[in-house]
Amino acid sequence: MIWFFEREGERLKCEISRDETGSGYRVIVRQPDGTQNVEQLDAATDLIERAVRLLRELRDDGWRVG
């Protein structure tokens, strides 16, 4: 799943996918400057909780779904 966010002419990409082994999940956030943060999560419940927190954080920082 991929979401794009916009803020003041900048774009941010958030991607959620299975990890390479297929046993866990990855959350990747790519900043407008090209840097990225990758988080590994083992359980689907942890993934859902993290995704909800991340979307709230982005919204609170002024990012909007683009």
N, C-alpha and C. Protein backbone atom coordinates (compact mmCIF):
# COMPACT_ATOMS: atom_id res chain seq x y z
N MET A 1 0.85 -1.15 0.00
CA MET A 1 0.00 0.00 0.00
C MET A 1 0.90 1.22 0.00
N ILE A 2 0.55 2.19 -0.82
CA ILE A 2 1.35 3.42 -0.92
C ILE A 2 0.43 4.62 -0.77
N TRP A 3 0.88 5.56 0.05
CA TRP A 3 0.18 6.84 0.19
C TRP A 3 1.15 7.95 -0.17
N PHE A 4 0.62 8.97 -0.83
CA PHE A 4 1.38 10.17 -1.11
C PHE A 4 0.77 11.31 -0.31
N PHE A 5 1.63 12.14 0.26
CA PHE A 5 1.19 13.29 1.04
C PHE A 5 1.83 14.54 0.46
N GLU A 6 1.13 15.66 0.61
CA GLU A 6 1.64 16.94 0.12
C GLU A 6 1.56 17.98 1.23
N ARG A 7 2.55 18.88 1.18
CA ARG A 7 2.57 20.01 2.12
C ARG A 7 3.42 21.10 1.49
N GLU A 8 2.81 22.24 1.26
CA GLU A 8 3.53 23.41 0.74
C GLU A 8 4.40 23.08 -0.47
N GLY A 9 3.84 22.36 -1.41
CA GLY A 9 4.55 22.04 -2.65
C GLY A 9 5.52 20.87 -2.56
N GLU A 10 5.63 20.23 -1.41
CA GLU A 10 6.51 19.08 -1.25
C GLU A 10 5.68 17.80 -1.23
N ARG A 11 6.33 16.69 -1.60
CA ARG A 11 5.65 15.39 -1.57
C ARG A 11 6.42 14.42 -0.70
N LEU A 12 5.66 13.62 0.03
CA LEU A 12 6.20 12.59 0.91
C LEU A 12 5.50 11.29 0.53
N LYS A 13 6.23 10.20 0.57
CA LYS A 13 5.67 8.90 0.21
C LYS A 13 5.75 7.95 1.41
N CYS A 14 4.66 7.28 1.69
CA CYS A 14 4.60 6.30 2.76
C CYS A 14 4.18 4.96 2.16
N GLU A 15 5.00 3.94 2.37
CA GLU A 15 4.74 2.62 1.78
C GLU A 15 4.70 1.56 2.87
N ILE A 16 3.71 0.71 2.80
CA ILE A 16 3.60 -0.43 3.71
C ILE A 16 3.59 -1.69 2.87
N SER A 17 4.47 -2.63 3.22
CA SER A 17 4.56 -3.87 2.44
C SER A 17 5.05 -5.01 3.33
N ARG A 18 4.99 -6.20 2.79
CA ARG A 18 5.58 -7.36 3.45
C ARG A 18 7.09 -7.23 3.34
N ASP A 19 7.81 -7.76 4.33
CA ASP A 19 9.25 -7.75 4.23
C ASP A 19 9.72 -8.84 3.26
N GLU A 20 11.00 -8.91 3.04
CA GLU A 20 11.55 -9.84 2.05
C GLU A 20 11.27 -11.30 2.38
N THR A 21 11.17 -11.62 3.66
CA THR A 21 10.95 -13.01 4.06
C THR A 21 9.48 -13.39 4.01
N GLY A 22 8.59 -12.39 3.96
CA GLY A 22 7.17 -12.66 3.94
C GLY A 22 6.58 -12.93 5.31
N SER A 23 7.40 -12.80 6.35
CA SER A 23 6.91 -13.11 7.70
C SER A 23 6.64 -11.85 8.52
N GLY A 24 6.99 -10.70 8.01
CA GLY A 24 6.79 -9.45 8.74
C GLY A 24 6.39 -8.35 7.78
N TYR A 25 6.48 -7.12 8.26
CA TYR A 25 6.05 -5.97 7.48
C TYR A 25 7.08 -4.87 7.56
N ARG A 26 7.03 -3.98 6.55
CA ARG A 26 7.91 -2.81 6.52
C ARG A 26 7.06 -1.56 6.34
N VAL A 27 7.45 -0.52 7.03
CA VAL A 27 6.87 0.81 6.83
C VAL A 27 8.02 1.69 6.37
N ILE A 28 7.90 2.23 5.17
CA ILE A 28 8.95 3.07 4.60
C ILE A 28 8.38 4.46 4.37
N VAL A 29 9.04 5.47 4.93
CA VAL A 29 8.64 6.85 4.71
C VAL A 29 9.78 7.54 3.96
N ARG A 30 9.47 8.04 2.77
CA ARG A 30 10.46 8.77 1.96
C ARG A 30 10.14 10.25 2.03
N GLN A 31 11.10 11.00 2.56
CA GLN A 31 10.96 12.44 2.73
C GLN A 31 11.16 13.15 1.40
N PRO A 32 10.72 14.39 1.29
CA PRO A 32 10.90 15.15 0.05
C PRO A 32 12.36 15.28 -0.38
N ASP A 33 13.29 15.26 0.58
CA ASP A 33 14.72 15.40 0.24
C ASP A 33 15.37 14.08 -0.17
N GLY A 34 14.57 13.00 -0.22
CA GLY A 34 15.10 11.71 -0.65
C GLY A 34 15.51 10.78 0.48
N THR A 35 15.64 11.29 1.68
CA THR A 35 15.97 10.41 2.80
C THR A 35 14.77 9.52 3.10
N GLN A 36 15.07 8.37 3.67
CA GLN A 36 13.97 7.47 4.01
C GLN A 36 14.21 6.80 5.35
N ASN A 37 13.10 6.44 5.98
CA ASN A 37 13.12 5.73 7.25
C ASN A 37 12.39 4.41 7.04
N VAL A 38 13.02 3.30 7.45
CA VAL A 38 12.42 1.98 7.29
C VAL A 38 12.22 1.38 8.67
N GLU A 39 11.00 0.94 8.93
CA GLU A 39 10.68 0.27 10.20
C GLU A 39 10.24 -1.15 9.89
N GLN A 40 10.75 -2.10 10.67
CA GLN A 40 10.36 -3.51 10.55
C GLN A 40 9.38 -3.84 11.68
N LEU A 41 8.30 -4.50 11.34
CA LEU A 41 7.31 -4.91 12.32
C LEU A 41 6.99 -6.38 12.09
N ASP A 42 6.81 -7.12 13.17
CA ASP A 42 6.56 -8.55 13.05
C ASP A 42 5.09 -8.91 12.94
N ALA A 43 4.26 -8.25 13.73
CA ALA A 43 2.85 -8.63 13.82
C ALA A 43 1.95 -7.65 13.09
N ALA A 44 0.87 -8.16 12.51
CA ALA A 44 -0.09 -7.31 11.81
C ALA A 44 -0.70 -6.27 12.75
N THR A 45 -0.93 -6.65 13.99
CA THR A 45 -1.50 -5.69 14.95
C THR A 45 -0.53 -4.54 15.21
N ASP A 46 0.76 -4.84 15.28
CA ASP A 46 1.77 -3.78 15.45
C ASP A 46 1.79 -2.87 14.23
N LEU A 47 1.65 -3.45 13.05
CA LEU A 47 1.62 -2.68 11.81
C LEU A 47 0.44 -1.72 11.80
N ILE A 48 -0.73 -2.20 12.16
CA ILE A 48 -1.92 -1.35 12.17
C ILE A 48 -1.76 -0.20 13.16
N GLU A 49 -1.28 -0.51 14.35
CA GLU A 49 -1.08 0.53 15.36
C GLU A 49 -0.06 1.57 14.89
N ARG A 50 1.01 1.12 14.28
CA ARG A 50 2.04 2.04 13.79
C ARG A 50 1.51 2.90 12.65
N ALA A 51 0.75 2.30 11.74
CA ALA A 51 0.20 3.05 10.62
C ALA A 51 -0.74 4.15 11.10
N VAL A 52 -1.57 3.84 12.08
CA VAL A 52 -2.49 4.84 12.63
C VAL A 52 -1.71 5.99 13.27
N ARG A 53 -0.69 5.65 14.07
CA ARG A 53 0.14 6.69 14.71
C ARG A 53 0.84 7.55 13.66
N LEU A 54 1.40 6.90 12.65
CA LEU A 54 2.13 7.61 11.60
C LEU A 54 1.21 8.57 10.85
N LEU A 55 0.03 8.11 10.47
CA LEU A 55 -0.89 8.98 9.75
C LEU A 55 -1.31 10.18 10.60
N ARG A 56 -1.50 9.97 11.88
CA ARG A 56 -1.83 11.09 12.78
C ARG A 56 -0.66 12.07 12.87
N GLU A 57 0.56 11.53 13.00
CA GLU A 57 1.74 12.39 13.09
C GLU A 57 1.89 13.24 11.83
N LEU A 58 1.71 12.61 10.68
CA LEU A 58 1.83 13.35 9.42
C LEU A 58 0.77 14.44 9.32
N ARG A 59 -0.46 14.09 9.66
CA ARG A 59 -1.55 15.07 9.63
C ARG A 59 -1.26 16.23 10.58
N ASP A 60 -0.79 15.91 11.78
CA ASP A 60 -0.48 16.96 12.76
C ASP A 60 0.67 17.86 12.30
N ASP A 61 1.56 17.31 11.46
CA ASP A 61 2.67 18.10 10.91
C ASP A 61 2.30 18.86 9.65
N GLY A 62 1.00 18.81 9.28
CA GLY A 62 0.54 19.58 8.14
C GLY A 62 0.49 18.85 6.82
N TRP A 63 0.82 17.56 6.81
CA TRP A 63 0.78 16.78 5.59
C TRP A 63 -0.66 16.39 5.27
N ARG A 64 -1.01 16.44 4.00
CA ARG A 64 -2.35 16.04 3.54
C ARG A 64 -2.21 15.02 2.43
N VAL A 65 -3.14 14.07 2.40
CA VAL A 65 -3.11 13.05 1.34
C VAL A 65 -3.20 13.76 0.00
N GLY A 66 -2.27 13.40 -0.90
CA GLY A 66 -2.18 14.08 -2.18
C GLY A 66 -2.57 13.29 -3.36
